[in-house]
Amino acid sequence: MLGLLERMIVARFDPQARAGELRAANLEIEILRSLWRIVHGRGWIATRQLFFVTTKLDEIGRMAGAWRKSAGGKDGP
């Protein structure tokens, strides 16, 4: 999560790196989703906790995707 936060801060303050950092942030979000599913599968968190985390990750992903589109980084899904 700290790596994702760092990428978002760099994207906010470095316009030249913005598109690349937002693409990398999207990849980190996908990795985090997978890691949280593994944590849930191991029984370390409850289903409601997984639902909460994945809901927040989805929200962050949508916001970053919209930011990337508005910044002109429309290359790729």
N, C-alpha and C. Protein backbone atom coordinates (compact mmCIF):
# COMPACT_ATOMS: atom_id res chain seq x y z
N MET A 1 0.82 -1.18 0.00
CA MET A 1 0.00 0.00 0.00
C MET A 1 0.87 1.26 0.00
N LEU A 2 2.02 1.18 0.65
CA LEU A 2 2.90 2.35 0.67
C LEU A 2 3.45 2.65 -0.72
N GLY A 3 3.74 1.62 -1.48
CA GLY A 3 4.21 1.82 -2.85
C GLY A 3 3.16 2.50 -3.70
N LEU A 4 1.91 2.10 -3.52
CA LEU A 4 0.81 2.73 -4.25
C LEU A 4 0.67 4.19 -3.86
N LEU A 5 0.75 4.46 -2.57
CA LEU A 5 0.68 5.85 -2.10
C LEU A 5 1.81 6.69 -2.69
N GLU A 6 3.01 6.13 -2.73
CA GLU A 6 4.15 6.83 -3.30
C GLU A 6 3.93 7.15 -4.78
N ARG A 7 3.41 6.20 -5.53
CA ARG A 7 3.14 6.43 -6.95
C ARG A 7 2.11 7.55 -7.15
N MET A 8 1.09 7.57 -6.32
CA MET A 8 0.07 8.60 -6.44
C MET A 8 0.63 9.99 -6.11
N ILE A 9 1.52 10.05 -5.14
CA ILE A 9 2.14 11.33 -4.80
C ILE A 9 3.03 11.81 -5.94
N VAL A 10 3.83 10.92 -6.51
CA VAL A 10 4.68 11.29 -7.64
C VAL A 10 3.81 11.76 -8.81
N ALA A 11 2.72 11.03 -9.08
CA ALA A 11 1.82 11.42 -10.17
C ALA A 11 1.22 12.80 -9.92
N ARG A 12 0.95 13.12 -8.69
CA ARG A 12 0.36 14.42 -8.35
C ARG A 12 1.34 15.57 -8.59
N PHE A 13 2.59 15.35 -8.27
CA PHE A 13 3.55 16.45 -8.28
C PHE A 13 4.53 16.45 -9.44
N ASP A 14 4.52 15.43 -10.28
CA ASP A 14 5.43 15.37 -11.43
C ASP A 14 4.64 15.13 -12.71
N PRO A 15 4.24 16.20 -13.40
CA PRO A 15 3.41 16.04 -14.60
C PRO A 15 4.04 15.18 -15.69
N GLN A 16 5.36 15.20 -15.83
CA GLN A 16 6.02 14.38 -16.84
C GLN A 16 5.92 12.89 -16.53
N ALA A 17 5.88 12.54 -15.27
CA ALA A 17 5.83 11.14 -14.87
C ALA A 17 4.40 10.65 -14.62
N ARG A 18 3.42 11.54 -14.72
CA ARG A 18 2.05 11.23 -14.32
C ARG A 18 1.47 9.99 -15.01
N ALA A 19 1.50 9.95 -16.33
CA ALA A 19 0.88 8.83 -17.05
C ALA A 19 1.53 7.50 -16.68
N GLY A 20 2.85 7.48 -16.62
CA GLY A 20 3.56 6.25 -16.27
C GLY A 20 3.29 5.81 -14.84
N GLU A 21 3.25 6.75 -13.94
CA GLU A 21 2.99 6.42 -12.53
C GLU A 21 1.56 5.91 -12.35
N LEU A 22 0.61 6.49 -13.07
CA LEU A 22 -0.77 6.03 -12.95
C LEU A 22 -0.95 4.64 -13.55
N ARG A 23 -0.23 4.34 -14.65
CA ARG A 23 -0.26 2.98 -15.20
C ARG A 23 0.33 1.99 -14.19
N ALA A 24 1.45 2.36 -13.58
CA ALA A 24 2.09 1.49 -12.59
C ALA A 24 1.20 1.34 -11.35
N ALA A 25 0.51 2.41 -10.97
CA ALA A 25 -0.40 2.33 -9.83
C ALA A 25 -1.52 1.34 -10.12
N ASN A 26 -2.03 1.33 -11.34
CA ASN A 26 -3.08 0.39 -11.71
C ASN A 26 -2.58 -1.05 -11.56
N LEU A 27 -1.35 -1.30 -11.98
CA LEU A 27 -0.77 -2.63 -11.82
C LEU A 27 -0.64 -2.99 -10.35
N GLU A 28 -0.21 -2.05 -9.53
CA GLU A 28 -0.08 -2.32 -8.09
C GLU A 28 -1.43 -2.61 -7.46
N ILE A 29 -2.47 -1.93 -7.91
CA ILE A 29 -3.81 -2.19 -7.39
C ILE A 29 -4.22 -3.63 -7.70
N GLU A 30 -3.95 -4.08 -8.91
CA GLU A 30 -4.27 -5.46 -9.28
C GLU A 30 -3.50 -6.47 -8.43
N ILE A 31 -2.24 -6.17 -8.18
CA ILE A 31 -1.43 -7.05 -7.33
C ILE A 31 -1.99 -7.08 -5.92
N LEU A 32 -2.36 -5.91 -5.39
CA LEU A 32 -2.93 -5.85 -4.04
C LEU A 32 -4.24 -6.63 -3.95
N ARG A 33 -5.08 -6.54 -4.98
CA ARG A 33 -6.33 -7.32 -4.98
C ARG A 33 -6.01 -8.81 -4.85
N SER A 34 -5.02 -9.26 -5.60
CA SER A 34 -4.64 -10.68 -5.56
C SER A 34 -4.10 -11.06 -4.18
N LEU A 35 -3.27 -10.22 -3.62
CA LEU A 35 -2.71 -10.51 -2.30
C LEU A 35 -3.79 -10.56 -1.22
N TRP A 36 -4.76 -9.66 -1.29
CA TRP A 36 -5.85 -9.67 -0.31
C TRP A 36 -6.70 -10.93 -0.47
N ARG A 37 -6.90 -11.40 -1.72
CA ARG A 37 -7.65 -12.64 -1.90
C ARG A 37 -6.90 -13.82 -1.30
N ILE A 38 -5.58 -13.81 -1.43
CA ILE A 38 -4.77 -14.88 -0.81
C ILE A 38 -4.90 -14.83 0.70
N VAL A 39 -4.82 -13.63 1.27
CA VAL A 39 -4.96 -13.47 2.72
C VAL A 39 -6.31 -14.01 3.18
N HIS A 40 -7.35 -13.69 2.43
CA HIS A 40 -8.69 -14.19 2.77
C HIS A 40 -8.75 -15.71 2.63
N GLY A 41 -8.18 -16.22 1.57
CA GLY A 41 -8.17 -17.66 1.35
C GLY A 41 -7.46 -18.43 2.46
N ARG A 42 -6.47 -17.81 3.05
CA ARG A 42 -5.76 -18.45 4.17
C ARG A 42 -6.52 -18.34 5.48
N GLY A 43 -7.62 -17.59 5.46
CA GLY A 43 -8.44 -17.45 6.67
C GLY A 43 -7.94 -16.39 7.63
N TRP A 44 -7.08 -15.51 7.18
CA TRP A 44 -6.51 -14.49 8.06
C TRP A 44 -7.40 -13.27 8.21
N ILE A 45 -8.35 -13.11 7.28
CA ILE A 45 -9.33 -12.03 7.40
C ILE A 45 -10.71 -12.58 7.06
N ALA A 46 -11.74 -11.92 7.57
CA ALA A 46 -13.11 -12.33 7.31
C ALA A 46 -13.54 -11.85 5.92
N THR A 47 -14.61 -12.44 5.43
CA THR A 47 -15.14 -12.07 4.12
C THR A 47 -15.54 -10.59 4.09
N ARG A 48 -16.13 -10.11 5.16
CA ARG A 48 -16.53 -8.70 5.18
C ARG A 48 -15.32 -7.77 5.12
N GLN A 49 -14.20 -8.19 5.69
CA GLN A 49 -12.98 -7.40 5.60
C GLN A 49 -12.45 -7.39 4.17
N LEU A 50 -12.48 -8.54 3.52
CA LEU A 50 -12.06 -8.61 2.12
C LEU A 50 -12.95 -7.72 1.26
N PHE A 51 -14.26 -7.77 1.49
CA PHE A 51 -15.19 -6.94 0.74
C PHE A 51 -14.87 -5.46 0.93
N PHE A 52 -14.59 -5.06 2.16
CA PHE A 52 -14.26 -3.66 2.43
C PHE A 52 -13.01 -3.23 1.67
N VAL A 53 -11.96 -4.03 1.77
CA VAL A 53 -10.69 -3.68 1.12
C VAL A 53 -10.83 -3.65 -0.40
N THR A 54 -11.48 -4.66 -0.96
CA THR A 54 -11.60 -4.69 -2.42
C THR A 54 -12.49 -3.55 -2.93
N THR A 55 -13.49 -3.17 -2.15
CA THR A 55 -14.32 -2.02 -2.52
C THR A 55 -13.48 -0.76 -2.58
N LYS A 56 -12.62 -0.57 -1.60
CA LYS A 56 -11.75 0.62 -1.57
C LYS A 56 -10.73 0.58 -2.71
N LEU A 57 -10.16 -0.59 -2.98
CA LEU A 57 -9.21 -0.71 -4.09
C LEU A 57 -9.89 -0.43 -5.42
N ASP A 58 -11.12 -0.90 -5.58
CA ASP A 58 -11.87 -0.60 -6.81
C ASP A 58 -12.09 0.90 -6.95
N GLU A 59 -12.44 1.55 -5.86
CA GLU A 59 -12.65 3.00 -5.89
C GLU A 59 -11.37 3.74 -6.26
N ILE A 60 -10.26 3.35 -5.68
CA ILE A 60 -8.98 3.97 -6.00
C ILE A 60 -8.64 3.74 -7.48
N GLY A 61 -8.88 2.52 -7.96
CA GLY A 61 -8.61 2.21 -9.36
C GLY A 61 -9.45 3.05 -10.32
N ARG A 62 -10.73 3.21 -10.01
CA ARG A 62 -11.58 4.05 -10.85
C ARG A 62 -11.12 5.50 -10.86
N MET A 63 -10.74 6.00 -9.68
CA MET A 63 -10.27 7.39 -9.59
C MET A 63 -8.97 7.57 -10.36
N ALA A 64 -8.04 6.63 -10.23
CA ALA A 64 -6.77 6.73 -10.94
C ALA A 64 -6.98 6.61 -12.44
N GLY A 65 -7.90 5.74 -12.87
CA GLY A 65 -8.20 5.60 -14.29
C GLY A 65 -8.79 6.87 -14.88
N ALA A 66 -9.69 7.48 -14.15
CA ALA A 66 -10.28 8.74 -14.61
C ALA A 66 -9.23 9.84 -14.67
N TRP A 67 -8.36 9.86 -13.70
CA TRP A 67 -7.28 10.86 -13.66
C TRP A 67 -6.37 10.67 -14.87
N ARG A 68 -6.05 9.41 -15.16
CA ARG A 68 -5.18 9.11 -16.30
C ARG A 68 -5.82 9.54 -17.61
N LYS A 69 -7.11 9.27 -17.76
CA LYS A 69 -7.81 9.70 -18.98
C LYS A 69 -7.83 11.21 -19.10
N SER A 70 -8.10 11.90 -18.02
CA SER A 70 -8.17 13.36 -18.08
C SER A 70 -6.79 13.98 -18.32
N ALA A 71 -5.74 13.25 -17.93
CA ALA A 71 -4.37 13.73 -18.14
C ALA A 71 -3.86 13.41 -19.54
N GLY A 72 -4.66 12.68 -20.32
CA GLY A 72 -4.26 12.36 -21.68
C GLY A 72 -3.55 11.04 -21.84
N GLY A 73 -3.49 10.22 -20.81
CA GLY A 73 -2.83 8.93 -20.90
C GLY A 73 -3.79 7.83 -21.27
N LYS A 74 -4.42 7.92 -22.43
CA LYS A 74 -5.47 7.01 -22.83
C LYS A 74 -4.96 5.73 -23.48
N ASP A 75 -3.69 5.45 -23.36
CA ASP A 75 -3.12 4.27 -24.01
C ASP A 75 -3.37 3.03 -23.17
N GLY A 76 -4.17 2.14 -23.68
CA GLY A 76 -4.40 0.87 -23.00
C GLY A 76 -5.63 0.91 -22.13
N PRO A 77 -6.05 -0.28 -21.61
CA PRO A 77 -7.26 -0.39 -20.81
C PRO A 77 -7.11 0.19 -19.43
